[in-house]
């Protein structure tokens, strides 16, 4: 069974956001996710819902399944 890697998600969101030259507020506006939640997500302190994860993927250009790892893999 796979599980969500918070570290992988945090790094992916921060990296993609910066590549696109988006601020956390820009990303919040584009996804409908509160800016504070974006900040917490990048600090590995927030897990998005599935619809939020899909919106992040659509906005930043990644597939949501990219942030899931096998349960025995380390984060």
N, C-alpha and C. Protein backbone atom coordinates (compact mmCIF):
# COMPACT_ATOMS: atom_id res chain seq x y z
N UNK A 1 0.84 -1.19 0.00
CA UNK A 1 0.00 0.00 0.00
C UNK A 1 0.88 1.25 0.00
N UNK A 2 0.47 2.22 -0.76
CA UNK A 2 1.23 3.46 -0.84
C UNK A 2 0.66 4.48 0.14
N UNK A 3 1.52 5.40 0.57
CA UNK A 3 1.04 6.47 1.43
C UNK A 3 1.64 7.79 0.96
N UNK A 4 0.98 8.86 1.33
CA UNK A 4 1.41 10.19 0.95
C UNK A 4 2.70 10.54 1.67
N UNK A 5 3.70 10.99 0.93
CA UNK A 5 4.96 11.44 1.50
C UNK A 5 4.87 12.95 1.70
N UNK A 6 4.78 13.38 2.96
CA UNK A 6 4.67 14.82 3.23
C UNK A 6 5.93 15.56 2.79
N UNK A 7 7.08 14.92 2.96
CA UNK A 7 8.33 15.60 2.56
C UNK A 7 8.40 15.74 1.04
N UNK A 8 8.01 14.70 0.32
CA UNK A 8 8.01 14.76 -1.14
C UNK A 8 7.03 15.82 -1.63
N UNK A 9 5.84 15.85 -1.04
CA UNK A 9 4.84 16.84 -1.43
C UNK A 9 5.33 18.25 -1.14
N UNK A 10 5.87 18.48 0.05
CA UNK A 10 6.35 19.80 0.42
C UNK A 10 7.44 20.29 -0.54
N UNK A 11 8.39 19.42 -0.83
CA UNK A 11 9.48 19.79 -1.74
C UNK A 11 8.98 20.03 -3.15
N UNK A 12 8.07 19.18 -3.62
CA UNK A 12 7.54 19.31 -4.98
C UNK A 12 6.76 20.62 -5.13
N UNK A 13 5.89 20.91 -4.18
CA UNK A 13 5.08 22.13 -4.26
C UNK A 13 5.97 23.37 -4.21
N UNK A 14 6.90 23.42 -3.28
CA UNK A 14 7.78 24.58 -3.16
C UNK A 14 8.63 24.76 -4.41
N UNK A 15 9.19 23.67 -4.91
CA UNK A 15 10.05 23.73 -6.09
C UNK A 15 9.28 24.18 -7.32
N UNK A 16 8.14 23.55 -7.57
CA UNK A 16 7.34 23.89 -8.76
C UNK A 16 6.82 25.33 -8.65
N UNK A 17 6.40 25.73 -7.46
CA UNK A 17 5.88 27.09 -7.27
C UNK A 17 6.97 28.11 -7.60
N UNK A 18 8.19 27.86 -7.13
CA UNK A 18 9.29 28.79 -7.38
C UNK A 18 9.70 28.78 -8.85
N UNK A 19 9.67 27.61 -9.49
CA UNK A 19 9.99 27.52 -10.92
C UNK A 19 9.02 28.38 -11.74
N UNK A 20 7.77 28.40 -11.31
CA UNK A 20 6.74 29.18 -12.01
C UNK A 20 6.70 30.63 -11.55
N UNK A 21 7.62 30.99 -10.64
CA UNK A 21 7.70 32.34 -10.10
C UNK A 21 6.39 32.79 -9.45
N UNK A 22 5.79 31.86 -8.71
CA UNK A 22 4.56 32.16 -7.99
C UNK A 22 4.87 32.36 -6.51
N UNK A 23 4.20 33.33 -5.91
CA UNK A 23 4.27 33.46 -4.46
C UNK A 23 3.28 32.47 -3.86
N UNK A 24 3.36 32.28 -2.56
CA UNK A 24 2.37 31.42 -1.92
C UNK A 24 0.98 31.99 -2.12
N UNK A 25 0.86 33.32 -2.10
CA UNK A 25 -0.45 33.95 -2.32
C UNK A 25 -0.94 33.70 -3.75
N UNK A 26 -0.03 33.78 -4.73
CA UNK A 26 -0.41 33.49 -6.12
C UNK A 26 -0.96 32.06 -6.23
N UNK A 27 -0.26 31.12 -5.59
CA UNK A 27 -0.69 29.72 -5.64
C UNK A 27 -2.03 29.56 -4.92
N UNK A 28 -2.19 30.24 -3.81
CA UNK A 28 -3.45 30.19 -3.08
C UNK A 28 -4.60 30.70 -3.96
N UNK A 29 -4.37 31.82 -4.63
CA UNK A 29 -5.40 32.39 -5.51
C UNK A 29 -5.74 31.44 -6.66
N UNK A 30 -4.72 30.77 -7.20
CA UNK A 30 -4.93 29.88 -8.34
C UNK A 30 -5.63 28.58 -7.96
N UNK A 31 -5.42 28.13 -6.72
CA UNK A 31 -5.96 26.83 -6.32
C UNK A 31 -7.18 26.92 -5.41
N UNK A 32 -7.40 28.08 -4.82
CA UNK A 32 -8.49 28.22 -3.86
C UNK A 32 -8.13 27.68 -2.48
N UNK A 33 -6.86 27.37 -2.28
CA UNK A 33 -6.38 26.90 -0.98
C UNK A 33 -5.83 28.10 -0.22
N UNK A 34 -6.17 28.22 1.04
CA UNK A 34 -5.73 29.34 1.86
C UNK A 34 -4.21 29.45 1.86
N UNK A 35 -3.69 30.69 1.80
CA UNK A 35 -2.24 30.89 1.76
C UNK A 35 -1.55 30.30 2.98
N UNK A 36 -2.17 30.40 4.14
CA UNK A 36 -1.57 29.82 5.35
C UNK A 36 -1.45 28.30 5.22
N UNK A 37 -2.41 27.67 4.56
CA UNK A 37 -2.34 26.22 4.35
C UNK A 37 -1.22 25.87 3.37
N UNK A 38 -1.00 26.71 2.36
CA UNK A 38 0.12 26.50 1.44
C UNK A 38 1.43 26.57 2.22
N UNK A 39 1.55 27.57 3.07
CA UNK A 39 2.75 27.72 3.88
C UNK A 39 2.97 26.50 4.78
N UNK A 40 1.91 26.06 5.43
CA UNK A 40 2.00 24.89 6.31
C UNK A 40 2.34 23.63 5.52
N UNK A 41 1.77 23.51 4.32
CA UNK A 41 2.05 22.35 3.48
C UNK A 41 3.54 22.30 3.14
N UNK A 42 4.12 23.46 2.81
CA UNK A 42 5.54 23.51 2.46
C UNK A 42 6.44 23.24 3.67
N UNK A 43 5.89 23.37 4.87
CA UNK A 43 6.64 23.07 6.09
C UNK A 43 6.32 21.67 6.61
N UNK A 44 5.60 20.89 5.82
CA UNK A 44 5.19 19.52 6.18
C UNK A 44 4.28 19.49 7.41
N UNK A 45 3.48 20.55 7.57
CA UNK A 45 2.60 20.67 8.73
C UNK A 45 1.12 20.64 8.32
N UNK A 46 0.84 20.27 7.08
CA UNK A 46 -0.54 20.25 6.59
C UNK A 46 -0.67 19.22 5.48
N UNK A 47 -1.72 18.43 5.56
CA UNK A 47 -2.03 17.47 4.50
C UNK A 47 -3.26 17.96 3.74
N UNK A 48 -3.12 18.16 2.44
CA UNK A 48 -4.26 18.62 1.66
C UNK A 48 -5.27 17.51 1.45
N UNK A 49 -6.51 17.90 1.20
CA UNK A 49 -7.54 16.93 0.83
C UNK A 49 -7.23 16.45 -0.59
N UNK A 50 -7.89 15.39 -1.01
CA UNK A 50 -7.68 14.88 -2.37
C UNK A 50 -8.02 15.95 -3.41
N UNK A 51 -9.16 16.64 -3.30
CA UNK A 51 -9.44 17.70 -4.29
C UNK A 51 -8.37 18.81 -4.27
N UNK A 52 -7.85 19.15 -3.09
CA UNK A 52 -6.80 20.16 -3.02
C UNK A 52 -5.52 19.65 -3.69
N UNK A 53 -5.20 18.39 -3.45
CA UNK A 53 -4.02 17.79 -4.07
C UNK A 53 -4.16 17.79 -5.60
N UNK A 54 -5.34 17.46 -6.09
CA UNK A 54 -5.59 17.48 -7.53
C UNK A 54 -5.44 18.89 -8.09
N UNK A 55 -5.94 19.89 -7.36
CA UNK A 55 -5.84 21.28 -7.81
C UNK A 55 -4.39 21.74 -7.82
N UNK A 56 -3.63 21.35 -6.81
CA UNK A 56 -2.20 21.68 -6.79
C UNK A 56 -1.48 21.06 -7.99
N UNK A 57 -1.79 19.80 -8.27
CA UNK A 57 -1.18 19.12 -9.40
C UNK A 57 -1.52 19.79 -10.72
N UNK A 58 -2.78 20.16 -10.87
CA UNK A 58 -3.22 20.81 -12.10
C UNK A 58 -2.53 22.17 -12.27
N UNK A 59 -2.44 22.92 -11.20
CA UNK A 59 -1.85 24.26 -11.25
C UNK A 59 -0.34 24.23 -11.43
N UNK A 60 0.32 23.29 -10.76
CA UNK A 60 1.78 23.25 -10.77
C UNK A 60 2.36 22.27 -11.79
N UNK A 61 1.50 21.44 -12.38
CA UNK A 61 1.97 20.54 -13.44
C UNK A 61 2.59 19.25 -12.94
N UNK A 62 1.94 18.59 -11.99
CA UNK A 62 2.40 17.26 -11.58
C UNK A 62 1.19 16.37 -11.36
N UNK A 63 1.42 15.07 -11.39
CA UNK A 63 0.35 14.10 -11.15
C UNK A 63 0.29 13.82 -9.65
N UNK A 64 -0.89 13.85 -9.05
CA UNK A 64 -1.00 13.60 -7.62
C UNK A 64 -0.35 12.31 -7.14
N UNK A 65 -0.34 11.28 -7.99
CA UNK A 65 0.26 10.02 -7.55
C UNK A 65 1.79 10.09 -7.41
N UNK A 66 2.40 11.16 -7.89
CA UNK A 66 3.85 11.32 -7.76
C UNK A 66 4.30 11.49 -6.31
N UNK A 67 3.38 11.87 -5.43
CA UNK A 67 3.76 12.13 -4.03
C UNK A 67 3.41 10.96 -3.11
N UNK A 68 3.03 9.84 -3.71
CA UNK A 68 2.75 8.64 -2.93
C UNK A 68 3.92 7.67 -3.07
N UNK A 69 4.33 7.07 -1.97
CA UNK A 69 5.45 6.13 -1.96
C UNK A 69 5.00 4.82 -1.33
N UNK A 70 5.74 3.75 -1.62
CA UNK A 70 5.44 2.47 -0.99
C UNK A 70 5.59 2.61 0.51
N UNK A 71 4.75 1.95 1.25
CA UNK A 71 4.71 2.07 2.71
C UNK A 71 6.05 1.76 3.36
N UNK A 72 6.85 0.89 2.77
CA UNK A 72 8.12 0.52 3.38
C UNK A 72 9.24 1.50 3.04
N UNK A 73 9.00 2.42 2.07
CA UNK A 73 10.01 3.43 1.74
C UNK A 73 10.04 4.48 2.82
N UNK A 74 11.22 5.03 3.07
CA UNK A 74 11.30 6.11 4.07
C UNK A 74 10.91 7.42 3.41
N UNK A 75 10.46 8.34 4.23
CA UNK A 75 10.08 9.66 3.72
C UNK A 75 11.31 10.47 3.58
